[in-house]
Amino acid sequence: MSNAVRVHELGGPEVLRFEPFDPGDPGAGEIRIHQHACGVNYIDTYFRTGLYPSPVGLPFVAGNEGAGEVVAVGPGVTEFSRGDRVAYVSALGGYAEERNLPAALAVRLPASIGWEQAAGMMLKGMTAQYLLRRTHRVAPGETILVQAAAGGVGLILCQWARSLGATVIGTVGSREKAELALAHGAHHAILYRDEDFVARVREITGGRLCDVVYDGVGRATFPASLDCLRPLGLFVSFGNASGPVGPFDLSLLTAKGSLFATRPSLFSYVARREDLVATANELFEVVAGGSVKIPVHHRFPLRDAQRAHRALEGRETTGSIVLLP
């Protein structure tokens, strides 16, 4: 019998219960993974509170990301064998010592990528990949704004975008976070609590504004994020750290310069197996090549998932958070 963190009722961090859990034998098309590290992401809080409905109902094992070793394979699995190193982003089930997973959702993990590094980057890093390479293919000479630049996705976006030749502006909540963002690729860091970030963006860019705004904050930065965009610029809302953006009149996009807006999700971009593998492999390449470093700043025992969620929602964290079974 192994252990997992399960949710029996929706609510705050206190509903995360560390308890015995047996995933059973892997079914057809599944692999069983002994996990070495589990990633913690904001999307986990959305499932915990019910903002995103659990596809399996209640109770469910929390978490969407992890890395570990294959210990068993179910009928029909040919791509993986016992002993293979794998990582994944899936719908649910990540906060566990052992779990079953459809083999189609796993990717082979190169020896150059460590367990904690993998668990801390699959969701965030693949999110950065599709945002920078597919939602908008960032090109040399462009200017981008990254809201919450010292967060897990933000630090990866800053590094990767800079390596692509973009000028990177980031917003942060403290001087310590500003130093962190600047050390991870941002050219400019704006203290949004002390400064009007729209005015600062206008000043930094000489009035030209940004080609793209990547906004994982949500309600607190909308609609001000739109005012940071040049005419025909793209607003990318990919997260709700401060709450979701509410309904708005589409004519607002016209008034602010015929802007484009999108609300993408990783799961749409990697729905096909070939896209999942290609996205993960490009991430592994930039990490192995040194263009992007994955800062894992916070480690908690699996049984302390409640503490990890409180730190995340309290904006006490930077970089990646992992749970260690």
C-alpha atoms as a PDB file:
ATOM      1  CA  MET A   1       0.000   0.000   0.000  1.00  0.00           C
ATOM      2  CA  SER A   2       1.331   3.406  -0.947  1.00  0.00           C
ATOM      3  CA  ASN A   3       0.154   6.882   0.049  1.00  0.00           C
ATOM      4  CA  ALA A   4      -1.416   9.787  -1.793  1.00  0.00           C
ATOM      5  CA  VAL A   5      -2.962  13.206  -1.155  1.00  0.00           C
ATOM      6  CA  ARG A   6      -6.687  13.043  -1.849  1.00  0.00           C
ATOM      7  CA  VAL A   7      -9.546  15.535  -1.933  1.00  0.00           C
ATOM      8  CA  HIS A   8     -12.859  14.299  -0.477  1.00  0.00           C
ATOM      9  CA  GLU A   9     -14.559  17.704  -0.420  1.00  0.00           C
ATOM     10  CA  LEU A  10     -13.858  20.976  -2.202  1.00  0.00           C
ATOM     11  CA  GLY A  11     -12.338  23.874  -0.321  1.00  0.00           C
ATOM     12  CA  GLY A  12      -9.119  25.374   1.019  1.00  0.00           C
ATOM     13  CA  PRO A  13      -5.757  23.664   1.570  1.00  0.00           C
ATOM     14  CA  GLU A  14      -7.176  21.864   4.608  1.00  0.00           C
ATOM     15  CA  VAL A  15      -9.132  19.489   2.338  1.00  0.00           C
ATOM     16  CA  LEU A  16      -5.865  17.898   1.104  1.00  0.00           C
ATOM     17  CA  ARG A  17      -5.651  14.608   3.032  1.00  0.00           C
ATOM     18  CA  PHE A  18      -2.528  12.438   3.102  1.00  0.00           C
ATOM     19  CA  GLU A  19      -3.755   8.849   3.376  1.00  0.00           C
ATOM     20  CA  PRO A  20      -3.127   5.272   2.219  1.00  0.00           C
ATOM     21  CA  PHE A  21      -3.968   4.743  -1.428  1.00  0.00           C
ATOM     22  CA  ASP A  22      -3.524   1.705  -3.662  1.00  0.00           C
ATOM     23  CA  PRO A  23      -3.709   2.544  -7.379  1.00  0.00           C
ATOM     24  CA  GLY A  24      -4.028  -1.165  -8.246  1.00  0.00           C
ATOM     25  CA  ASP A  25      -2.517  -2.885 -11.229  1.00  0.00           C
ATOM     26  CA  PRO A  26      -2.159  -0.849 -14.415  1.00  0.00           C
ATOM     27  CA  GLY A  27      -4.979  -1.428 -16.849  1.00  0.00           C
ATOM     28  CA  ALA A  28      -4.823  -1.773 -20.616  1.00  0.00           C
ATOM     29  CA  GLY A  29      -2.648   0.961 -22.083  1.00  0.00           C
ATOM     30  CA  GLU A  30      -1.430   2.115 -18.659  1.00  0.00           C
ATOM     31  CA  ILE A  31       1.886   2.196 -16.826  1.00  0.00           C
ATOM     32  CA  ARG A  32       2.507   2.264 -13.089  1.00  0.00           C
ATOM     33  CA  ILE A  33       5.058   4.810 -11.906  1.00  0.00           C
ATOM     34  CA  HIS A  34       7.031   4.925  -8.687  1.00  0.00           C
ATOM     35  CA  GLN A  35       7.311   8.687  -8.330  1.00  0.00           C
ATOM     36  CA  HIS A  36      10.463  10.471  -7.229  1.00  0.00           C
ATOM     37  CA  ALA A  37       8.994  13.988  -7.317  1.00  0.00           C
ATOM     38  CA  CYS A  38       5.581  15.597  -7.834  1.00  0.00           C
ATOM     39  CA  GLY A  39       5.060  19.099  -9.227  1.00  0.00           C
ATOM     40  CA  VAL A  40       2.834  21.694  -7.561  1.00  0.00           C
ATOM     41  CA  ASN A  41       1.041  24.192  -9.809  1.00  0.00           C
ATOM     42  CA  TYR A  42      -1.726  26.770  -9.585  1.00  0.00           C
ATOM     43  CA  ILE A  43      -3.994  24.526 -11.613  1.00  0.00           C
ATOM     44  CA  ASP A  44      -3.953  22.126  -8.653  1.00  0.00           C
ATOM     45  CA  THR A  45      -5.695  24.763  -6.539  1.00  0.00           C
ATOM     46  CA  TYR A  46      -8.376  25.193  -9.216  1.00  0.00           C
ATOM     47  CA  PHE A  47      -9.299  21.498  -8.977  1.00  0.00           C
ATOM     48  CA  ARG A  48      -9.118  21.613  -5.161  1.00  0.00           C
ATOM     49  CA  THR A  49     -11.581  24.522  -4.961  1.00  0.00           C
ATOM     50  CA  GLY A  50     -13.842  23.339  -7.780  1.00  0.00           C
ATOM     51  CA  LEU A  51     -13.021  26.201 -10.164  1.00  0.00           C
ATOM     52  CA  TYR A  52     -12.083  23.367 -12.537  1.00  0.00           C
ATOM     53  CA  PRO A  53     -14.378  20.352 -12.083  1.00  0.00           C
ATOM     54  CA  SER A  54     -12.720  17.013 -11.387  1.00  0.00           C
ATOM     55  CA  PRO A  55     -13.352  14.653 -14.321  1.00  0.00           C
ATOM     56  CA  VAL A  56     -13.563  11.707 -11.912  1.00  0.00           C
ATOM     57  CA  GLY A  57     -15.720  13.360  -9.265  1.00  0.00           C
ATOM     58  CA  LEU A  58     -14.942  13.020  -5.549  1.00  0.00           C
ATOM     59  CA  PRO A  59     -12.717  11.812  -4.027  1.00  0.00           C
ATOM     60  CA  PHE A  60      -9.712  12.353  -6.298  1.00  0.00           C
ATOM     61  CA  VAL A  61      -5.943  12.357  -5.971  1.00  0.00           C
ATOM     62  CA  ALA A  62      -4.699  15.934  -6.396  1.00  0.00           C
ATOM     63  CA  GLY A  63      -1.845  17.021  -8.631  1.00  0.00           C
ATOM     64  CA  ASN A  64      -1.152  17.054 -12.357  1.00  0.00           C
ATOM     65  CA  GLU A  65       2.571  16.510 -12.813  1.00  0.00           C
ATOM     66  CA  GLY A  66       5.375  14.192 -11.775  1.00  0.00           C
ATOM     67  CA  ALA A  67       8.447  12.207 -12.661  1.00  0.00           C
ATOM     68  CA  GLY A  68       9.496   8.698 -11.778  1.00  0.00           C
ATOM     69  CA  GLU A  69      10.349   5.179 -12.800  1.00  0.00           C
ATOM     70  CA  VAL A  70       8.089   2.691 -14.541  1.00  0.00           C
ATOM     71  CA  VAL A  71       7.504  -0.297 -12.232  1.00  0.00           C
ATOM     72  CA  ALA A  72       4.782  -2.108 -14.187  1.00  0.00           C
ATOM     73  CA  VAL A  73       3.125  -1.967 -17.601  1.00  0.00           C
ATOM     74  CA  GLY A  74      -0.412  -2.908 -18.497  1.00  0.00           C
ATOM     75  CA  PRO A  75      -1.627  -4.945 -21.461  1.00  0.00           C
ATOM     76  CA  GLY A  76      -0.936  -3.397 -24.838  1.00  0.00           C
ATOM     77  CA  VAL A  77       1.854  -1.050 -23.745  1.00  0.00           C
ATOM     78  CA  THR A  78       4.826  -1.297 -26.102  1.00  0.00           C
ATOM     79  CA  GLU A  79       6.520   2.107 -25.827  1.00  0.00           C
ATOM     80  CA  PHE A  80       7.678   1.761 -22.192  1.00  0.00           C
ATOM     81  CA  SER A  81       9.246  -0.967 -20.069  1.00  0.00           C
ATOM     82  CA  ARG A  82      10.029  -1.491 -16.386  1.00  0.00           C
ATOM     83  CA  GLY A  83      12.877   0.763 -15.328  1.00  0.00           C
ATOM     84  CA  ASP A  84      12.239   3.539 -17.863  1.00  0.00           C
ATOM     85  CA  ARG A  85      12.523   7.102 -16.610  1.00  0.00           C
ATOM     86  CA  VAL A  86       9.401   9.094 -17.458  1.00  0.00           C
ATOM     87  CA  ALA A  87       7.695  12.403 -16.759  1.00  0.00           C
ATOM     88  CA  TYR A  88       4.189  13.591 -17.453  1.00  0.00           C
ATOM     89  CA  VAL A  89       1.489  16.204 -17.179  1.00  0.00           C
ATOM     90  CA  SER A  90      -1.943  14.658 -16.814  1.00  0.00           C
ATOM     91  CA  ALA A  91      -5.409  15.585 -15.657  1.00  0.00           C
ATOM     92  CA  LEU A  92      -5.205  14.410 -12.040  1.00  0.00           C
ATOM     93  CA  GLY A  93      -3.484  11.906  -9.750  1.00  0.00           C
ATOM     94  CA  GLY A  94      -0.031  13.443  -9.314  1.00  0.00           C
ATOM     95  CA  TYR A  95       0.307  13.747  -5.528  1.00  0.00           C
ATOM     96  CA  ALA A  96       1.072  10.089  -4.934  1.00  0.00           C
ATOM     97  CA  GLU A  97       3.957   7.782  -4.124  1.00  0.00           C
ATOM     98  CA  GLU A  98       2.812   5.477  -6.923  1.00  0.00           C
ATOM     99  CA  ARG A  99       0.234   6.020  -9.612  1.00  0.00           C
ATOM    100  CA  ASN A 100      -1.162   4.542 -12.790  1.00  0.00           C
ATOM    101  CA  LEU A 101      -1.099   6.653 -15.919  1.00  0.00           C
ATOM    102  CA  PRO A 102      -2.120   6.174 -19.545  1.00  0.00           C
ATOM    103  CA  ALA A 103       1.132   5.477 -21.365  1.00  0.00           C
ATOM    104  CA  ALA A 104       0.075   7.942 -24.060  1.00  0.00           C
ATOM    105  CA  LEU A 105       0.461  10.798 -21.525  1.00  0.00           C
ATOM    106  CA  ALA A 106       4.031   9.944 -20.485  1.00  0.00           C
ATOM    107  CA  VAL A 107       7.237  11.047 -22.174  1.00  0.00           C
ATOM    108  CA  ARG A 108      10.669   9.487 -21.886  1.00  0.00           C
ATOM    109  CA  LEU A 109      12.918  11.525 -19.607  1.00  0.00           C
ATOM    110  CA  PRO A 110      16.537  12.029 -20.728  1.00  0.00           C
ATOM    111  CA  ALA A 111      19.299  11.122 -18.284  1.00  0.00           C
ATOM    112  CA  SER A 112      20.390  14.777 -18.338  1.00  0.00           C
ATOM    113  CA  ILE A 113      17.186  15.868 -16.547  1.00  0.00           C
ATOM    114  CA  GLY A 114      16.871  15.145 -12.805  1.00  0.00           C
ATOM    115  CA  TRP A 115      13.716  14.014 -11.024  1.00  0.00           C
ATOM    116  CA  GLU A 116      13.027  17.273  -9.175  1.00  0.00           C
ATOM    117  CA  GLN A 117      13.925  19.310 -12.237  1.00  0.00           C
ATOM    118  CA  ALA A 118      11.481  17.302 -14.353  1.00  0.00           C
ATOM    119  CA  ALA A 119       8.643  17.463 -11.829  1.00  0.00           C
ATOM    120  CA  GLY A 120       9.205  21.194 -11.492  1.00  0.00           C
ATOM    121  CA  MET A 121       9.115  21.949 -15.189  1.00  0.00           C
ATOM    122  CA  MET A 122       6.787  19.729 -17.186  1.00  0.00           C
ATOM    123  CA  LEU A 123       3.631  21.833 -16.844  1.00  0.00           C
ATOM    124  CA  LYS A 124       5.402  25.182 -16.521  1.00  0.00           C
ATOM    125  CA  GLY A 125       8.030  24.475 -19.174  1.00  0.00           C
ATOM    126  CA  MET A 126       5.656  23.025 -21.746  1.00  0.00           C
ATOM    127  CA  THR A 127       3.332  25.954 -21.074  1.00  0.00           C
ATOM    128  CA  ALA A 128       6.220  28.293 -21.854  1.00  0.00           C
ATOM    129  CA  GLN A 129       6.984  26.312 -25.006  1.00  0.00           C
ATOM    130  CA  TYR A 130       3.531  26.632 -26.517  1.00  0.00           C
ATOM    131  CA  LEU A 131       3.165  30.265 -25.424  1.00  0.00           C
ATOM    132  CA  LEU A 132       6.467  31.329 -27.005  1.00  0.00           C
ATOM    133  CA  ARG A 133       6.605  28.998 -29.992  1.00  0.00           C
ATOM    134  CA  ARG A 134       2.980  28.405 -30.992  1.00  0.00           C
ATOM    135  CA  THR A 135       0.484  30.863 -29.449  1.00  0.00           C
ATOM    136  CA  HIS A 136       2.834  33.565 -30.697  1.00  0.00           C
ATOM    137  CA  ARG A 137       6.155  32.666 -32.265  1.00  0.00           C
ATOM    138  CA  VAL A 138       8.405  35.172 -30.532  1.00  0.00           C
ATOM    139  CA  ALA A 139      10.979  36.675 -32.887  1.00  0.00           C
ATOM    140  CA  PRO A 140      14.176  38.682 -32.394  1.00  0.00           C
ATOM    141  CA  GLY A 141      13.505  42.370 -31.810  1.00  0.00           C
ATOM    142  CA  GLU A 142      10.021  41.910 -30.334  1.00  0.00           C
ATOM    143  CA  THR A 143       9.094  43.196 -26.886  1.00  0.00           C
ATOM    144  CA  ILE A 144       7.043  41.099 -24.493  1.00  0.00           C
ATOM    145  CA  LEU A 145       5.560  41.697 -21.054  1.00  0.00           C
ATOM    146  CA  VAL A 146       5.479  38.835 -18.559  1.00  0.00           C
ATOM    147  CA  GLN A 147       3.118  39.365 -15.633  1.00  0.00           C
ATOM    148  CA  ALA A 148       4.359  37.664 -12.426  1.00  0.00           C
ATOM    149  CA  ALA A 149       7.807  37.253 -13.932  1.00  0.00           C
ATOM    150  CA  ALA A 150       9.271  35.645 -10.789  1.00  0.00           C
ATOM    151  CA  GLY A 151       6.720  32.818 -10.728  1.00  0.00           C
ATOM    152  CA  GLY A 152       7.292  29.321 -12.009  1.00  0.00           C
ATOM    153  CA  VAL A 153       6.151  29.949 -15.588  1.00  0.00           C
ATOM    154  CA  GLY A 154       7.407  33.519 -15.503  1.00  0.00           C
ATOM    155  CA  LEU A 155      11.046  32.628 -14.846  1.00  0.00           C
ATOM    156  CA  ILE A 156      11.021  30.137 -17.707  1.00  0.00           C
ATOM    157  CA  LEU A 157       9.309  32.598 -20.064  1.00  0.00           C
ATOM    158  CA  CYS A 158      11.892  35.283 -19.286  1.00  0.00           C
ATOM    159  CA  GLN A 159      14.871  33.035 -19.976  1.00  0.00           C
ATOM    160  CA  TRP A 160      13.466  31.408 -23.090  1.00  0.00           C
ATOM    161  CA  ALA A 161      12.183  34.652 -24.630  1.00  0.00           C
ATOM    162  CA  ARG A 162      15.526  36.362 -24.066  1.00  0.00           C
ATOM    163  CA  SER A 163      17.319  33.460 -25.758  1.00  0.00           C
ATOM    164  CA  LEU A 164      15.008  34.024 -28.746  1.00  0.00           C
ATOM    165  CA  GLY A 165      16.150  37.637 -29.032  1.00  0.00           C
ATOM    166  CA  ALA A 166      13.154  39.374 -27.463  1.00  0.00           C
ATOM    167  CA  THR A 167      13.266  42.294 -25.051  1.00  0.00           C
ATOM    168  CA  VAL A 168      11.633  41.021 -21.860  1.00  0.00           C
ATOM    169  CA  ILE A 169       9.768  43.226 -19.388  1.00  0.00           C
ATOM    170  CA  GLY A 170       8.485  41.584 -16.215  1.00  0.00           C
ATOM    171  CA  THR A 171       6.224  42.640 -13.352  1.00  0.00           C
ATOM    172  CA  VAL A 172       7.021  41.466  -9.819  1.00  0.00           C
ATOM    173  CA  GLY A 173       5.784  42.069  -6.294  1.00  0.00           C
ATOM    174  CA  SER A 174       9.023  42.775  -4.415  1.00  0.00           C
ATOM    175  CA  ARG A 175      12.632  43.868  -4.856  1.00  0.00           C
ATOM    176  CA  GLU A 176      13.779  40.323  -4.138  1.00  0.00           C
ATOM    177  CA  LYS A 177      11.549  39.020  -6.914  1.00  0.00           C
ATOM    178  CA  ALA A 178      12.801  41.775  -9.209  1.00  0.00           C
ATOM    179  CA  GLU A 179      16.386  40.597  -8.682  1.00  0.00           C
ATOM    180  CA  LEU A 180      15.300  37.026  -9.382  1.00  0.00           C
ATOM    181  CA  ALA A 181      13.532  37.964 -12.628  1.00  0.00           C
ATOM    182  CA  LEU A 182      16.512  40.006 -13.806  1.00  0.00           C
ATOM    183  CA  ALA A 183      18.841  37.114 -13.013  1.00  0.00           C
ATOM    184  CA  HIS A 184      16.637  34.838 -15.150  1.00  0.00           C
ATOM    185  CA  GLY A 185      16.472  36.818 -18.364  1.00  0.00           C
ATOM    186  CA  ALA A 186      14.257  39.838 -17.826  1.00  0.00           C
ATOM    187  CA  HIS A 187      15.742  43.078 -19.166  1.00  0.00           C
ATOM    188  CA  HIS A 188      13.433  45.216 -16.998  1.00  0.00           C
ATOM    189  CA  ALA A 189      11.536  44.429 -13.781  1.00  0.00           C
ATOM    190  CA  ILE A 190       8.583  46.583 -12.690  1.00  0.00           C
ATOM    191  CA  LEU A 191       7.473  46.601  -9.038  1.00  0.00           C
ATOM    192  CA  TYR A 192       3.740  46.594  -9.647  1.00  0.00           C
ATOM    193  CA  ARG A 193       2.912  47.443  -6.019  1.00  0.00           C
ATOM    194  CA  ASP A 194       5.021  50.604  -6.148  1.00  0.00           C
ATOM    195  CA  GLU A 195       4.736  51.655  -9.781  1.00  0.00           C
ATOM    196  CA  ASP A 196       2.061  52.046 -12.446  1.00  0.00           C
ATOM    197  CA  PHE A 197       3.160  49.180 -14.665  1.00  0.00           C
ATOM    198  CA  VAL A 198       1.363  50.574 -17.725  1.00  0.00           C
ATOM    199  CA  ALA A 199       3.190  53.888 -17.420  1.00  0.00           C
ATOM    200  CA  ARG A 200       6.511  52.098 -16.887  1.00  0.00           C
ATOM    201  CA  VAL A 201       5.982  49.895 -19.945  1.00  0.00           C
ATOM    202  CA  ARG A 202       5.244  52.988 -21.997  1.00  0.00           C
ATOM    203  CA  GLU A 203       8.417  54.634 -20.648  1.00  0.00           C
ATOM    204  CA  ILE A 204      10.639  51.575 -21.198  1.00  0.00           C
ATOM    205  CA  THR A 205       9.433  51.088 -24.775  1.00  0.00           C
ATOM    206  CA  GLY A 206       9.462  54.760 -25.715  1.00  0.00           C
ATOM    207  CA  GLY A 207       5.723  54.598 -26.310  1.00  0.00           C
ATOM    208  CA  ARG A 208       5.889  51.690 -28.752  1.00  0.00           C
ATOM    209  CA  LEU A 209       4.434  49.248 -26.171  1.00  0.00           C
ATOM    210  CA  CYS A 210       4.591  45.446 -26.405  1.00  0.00           C
ATOM    211  CA  ASP A 211       3.961  42.914 -29.125  1.00  0.00           C
ATOM    212  CA  VAL A 212       2.604  40.363 -26.642  1.00  0.00           C
ATOM    213  CA  VAL A 213       1.507  40.334 -23.005  1.00  0.00           C
ATOM    214  CA  TYR A 214       1.679  36.959 -21.241  1.00  0.00           C
ATOM    215  CA  ASP A 215      -0.645  37.208 -18.245  1.00  0.00           C
ATOM    216  CA  GLY A 216      -1.021  34.396 -15.727  1.00  0.00           C
ATOM    217  CA  VAL A 217      -2.355  36.712 -13.013  1.00  0.00           C
ATOM    218  CA  GLY A 218      -5.904  37.266 -14.262  1.00  0.00           C
ATOM    219  CA  ARG A 219      -8.363  39.606 -12.607  1.00  0.00           C
ATOM    220  CA  ALA A 220      -5.866  41.937 -10.874  1.00  0.00           C
ATOM    221  CA  THR A 221      -4.033  42.869 -14.091  1.00  0.00           C
ATOM    222  CA  PHE A 222      -7.030  43.159 -16.411  1.00  0.00           C
ATOM    223  CA  PRO A 223      -7.759  45.334 -18.341  1.00  0.00           C
ATOM    224  CA  ALA A 224      -4.473  47.160 -17.638  1.00  0.00           C
ATOM    225  CA  SER A 225      -2.555  44.446 -19.500  1.00  0.00           C
ATOM    226  CA  LEU A 226      -4.352  45.547 -22.677  1.00  0.00           C
ATOM    227  CA  ASP A 227      -2.952  49.066 -22.264  1.00  0.00           C
ATOM    228  CA  CYS A 228       0.569  47.644 -22.531  1.00  0.00           C
ATOM    229  CA  LEU A 229      -0.023  46.409 -26.083  1.00  0.00           C
ATOM    230  CA  ARG A 230       0.734  48.116 -29.359  1.00  0.00           C
ATOM    231  CA  PRO A 231      -2.059  48.217 -31.959  1.00  0.00           C
ATOM    232  CA  LEU A 232      -2.699  44.678 -33.286  1.00  0.00           C
ATOM    233  CA  GLY A 233      -0.853  43.238 -30.279  1.00  0.00           C
ATOM    234  CA  LEU A 234      -1.764  39.954 -28.615  1.00  0.00           C
ATOM    235  CA  PHE A 235      -3.100  39.504 -25.069  1.00  0.00           C
ATOM    236  CA  VAL A 236      -2.470  35.960 -23.804  1.00  0.00           C
ATOM    237  CA  SER A 237      -4.357  35.122 -20.606  1.00  0.00           C
ATOM    238  CA  PHE A 238      -3.092  31.738 -19.434  1.00  0.00           C
ATOM    239  CA  GLY A 239      -3.770  31.737 -15.692  1.00  0.00           C
ATOM    240  CA  ASN A 240      -5.951  33.018 -12.852  1.00  0.00           C
ATOM    241  CA  ALA A 241      -3.582  33.535  -9.899  1.00  0.00           C
ATOM    242  CA  SER A 242      -5.672  36.500  -8.665  1.00  0.00           C
ATOM    243  CA  GLY A 243      -8.984  35.126  -9.904  1.00  0.00           C
ATOM    244  CA  PRO A 244     -10.420  34.740 -13.413  1.00  0.00           C
ATOM    245  CA  VAL A 245     -10.897  37.635 -15.820  1.00  0.00           C
ATOM    246  CA  GLY A 246     -14.584  38.464 -15.860  1.00  0.00           C
ATOM    247  CA  PRO A 247     -16.781  38.869 -18.941  1.00  0.00           C
ATOM    248  CA  PHE A 248     -15.986  41.966 -21.001  1.00  0.00           C
ATOM    249  CA  ASP A 249     -17.271  43.712 -24.092  1.00  0.00           C
ATOM    250  CA  LEU A 250     -15.262  42.648 -27.157  1.00  0.00           C
ATOM    251  CA  SER A 251     -15.402  46.220 -28.419  1.00  0.00           C
ATOM    252  CA  LEU A 252     -12.794  46.961 -25.725  1.00  0.00           C
ATOM    253  CA  LEU A 253     -10.262  45.228 -27.992  1.00  0.00           C
ATOM    254  CA  THR A 254     -11.240  47.555 -30.828  1.00  0.00           C
ATOM    255  CA  ALA A 255     -10.948  50.646 -28.653  1.00  0.00           C
ATOM    256  CA  LYS A 256      -7.454  49.714 -27.515  1.00  0.00           C
ATOM    257  CA  GLY A 257      -6.010  49.136 -30.989  1.00  0.00           C
ATOM    258  CA  SER A 258      -7.715  46.185 -32.711  1.00  0.00           C
ATOM    259  CA  LEU A 259      -6.067  43.814 -30.265  1.00  0.00           C
ATOM    260  CA  PHE A 260      -6.108  40.033 -30.345  1.00  0.00           C
ATOM    261  CA  ALA A 261      -6.867  38.010 -27.204  1.00  0.00           C
ATOM    262  CA  THR A 262      -6.675  34.321 -26.405  1.00  0.00           C
ATOM    263  CA  ARG A 263      -7.193  32.059 -23.384  1.00  0.00           C
ATOM    264  CA  PRO A 264      -5.133  28.963 -24.230  1.00  0.00           C
ATOM    265  CA  SER A 265      -4.476  25.794 -22.229  1.00  0.00           C
ATOM    266  CA  LEU A 266      -1.628  23.325 -22.443  1.00  0.00           C
ATOM    267  CA  PHE A 267      -4.003  20.390 -22.769  1.00  0.00           C
ATOM    268  CA  SER A 268      -5.380  21.732 -26.055  1.00  0.00           C
ATOM    269  CA  TYR A 269      -1.880  22.183 -27.445  1.00  0.00           C
ATOM    270  CA  VAL A 270      -0.691  18.673 -26.537  1.00  0.00           C
ATOM    271  CA  ALA A 271      -3.896  16.726 -27.187  1.00  0.00           C
ATOM    272  CA  ARG A 272      -2.169  14.801 -29.993  1.00  0.00           C
ATOM    273  CA  ARG A 273       0.596  12.410 -28.974  1.00  0.00           C
ATOM    274  CA  GLU A 274       3.013  13.810 -31.543  1.00  0.00           C
ATOM    275  CA  ASP A 275       2.515  17.354 -30.229  1.00  0.00           C
ATOM    276  CA  LEU A 276       3.045  16.215 -26.632  1.00  0.00           C
ATOM    277  CA  VAL A 277       6.336  14.524 -27.484  1.00  0.00           C
ATOM    278  CA  ALA A 278       7.558  17.407 -29.654  1.00  0.00           C
ATOM    279  CA  THR A 279       6.695  19.984 -26.974  1.00  0.00           C
ATOM    280  CA  ALA A 280       8.450  18.013 -24.232  1.00  0.00           C
ATOM    281  CA  ASN A 281      11.506  17.323 -26.376  1.00  0.00           C
ATOM    282  CA  GLU A 282      11.966  21.001 -27.262  1.00  0.00           C
ATOM    283  CA  LEU A 283      11.761  21.822 -23.561  1.00  0.00           C
ATOM    284  CA  PHE A 284      14.337  19.139 -22.723  1.00  0.00           C
ATOM    285  CA  GLU A 285      16.641  20.533 -25.420  1.00  0.00           C
ATOM    286  CA  VAL A 286      16.652  24.123 -24.154  1.00  0.00           C
ATOM    287  CA  VAL A 287      17.144  22.952 -20.564  1.00  0.00           C
ATOM    288  CA  ALA A 288      19.935  20.522 -21.448  1.00  0.00           C
ATOM    289  CA  GLY A 289      21.546  23.201 -23.619  1.00  0.00           C
ATOM    290  CA  GLY A 290      21.554  25.713 -20.765  1.00  0.00           C
ATOM    291  CA  SER A 291      19.309  28.364 -22.341  1.00  0.00           C
ATOM    292  CA  VAL A 292      16.703  27.709 -19.660  1.00  0.00           C
ATOM    293  CA  LYS A 293      17.393  26.753 -16.060  1.00  0.00           C
ATOM    294  CA  ILE A 294      14.633  25.350 -13.870  1.00  0.00           C
ATOM    295  CA  PRO A 295      14.831  26.879 -10.389  1.00  0.00           C
ATOM    296  CA  VAL A 296      13.293  24.531  -7.798  1.00  0.00           C
ATOM    297  CA  HIS A 297      13.177  26.817  -4.771  1.00  0.00           C
ATOM    298  CA  HIS A 298      10.677  24.980  -2.580  1.00  0.00           C
ATOM    299  CA  ARG A 299      10.568  21.329  -1.524  1.00  0.00           C
ATOM    300  CA  PHE A 300       7.973  19.789   0.780  1.00  0.00           C
ATOM    301  CA  PRO A 301       7.353  16.205   1.895  1.00  0.00           C
ATOM    302  CA  LEU A 302       4.314  14.755   0.134  1.00  0.00           C
ATOM    303  CA  ARG A 303       2.439  14.686   3.442  1.00  0.00           C
ATOM    304  CA  ASP A 304       2.833  18.491   3.658  1.00  0.00           C
ATOM    305  CA  ALA A 305       0.822  19.298   0.533  1.00  0.00           C
ATOM    306  CA  GLN A 306      -1.411  21.607   2.576  1.00  0.00           C
ATOM    307  CA  ARG A 307       1.611  23.722   3.522  1.00  0.00           C
ATOM    308  CA  ALA A 308       2.758  23.839  -0.111  1.00  0.00           C
ATOM    309  CA  HIS A 309      -0.665  25.109  -1.257  1.00  0.00           C
ATOM    310  CA  ARG A 310      -0.764  27.782   1.452  1.00  0.00           C
ATOM    311  CA  ALA A 311       2.662  29.034   0.401  1.00  0.00           C
ATOM    312  CA  LEU A 312       1.658  29.050  -3.276  1.00  0.00           C
ATOM    313  CA  GLU A 313      -1.618  30.879  -2.768  1.00  0.00           C
ATOM    314  CA  GLY A 314       0.004  33.293  -0.312  1.00  0.00           C
ATOM    315  CA  ARG A 315       2.433  34.355  -3.065  1.00  0.00           C
ATOM    316  CA  GLU A 316       5.320  33.280  -0.844  1.00  0.00           C
ATOM    317  CA  THR A 317       6.987  31.218  -3.563  1.00  0.00           C
ATOM    318  CA  THR A 318       9.186  31.774  -6.583  1.00  0.00           C
ATOM    319  CA  GLY A 319      10.193  29.285  -9.246  1.00  0.00           C
ATOM    320  CA  SER A 320       9.007  25.696  -8.921  1.00  0.00           C
ATOM    321  CA  ILE A 321       7.576  23.780  -5.971  1.00  0.00           C
ATOM    322  CA  VAL A 322       7.909  20.006  -5.660  1.00  0.00           C
ATOM    323  CA  LEU A 323       6.529  17.415  -3.266  1.00  0.00           C
ATOM    324  CA  LEU A 324       8.863  14.565  -2.368  1.00  0.00           C
ATOM    325  CA  PRO A 325       7.208  11.171  -1.717  1.00  0.00           C
END
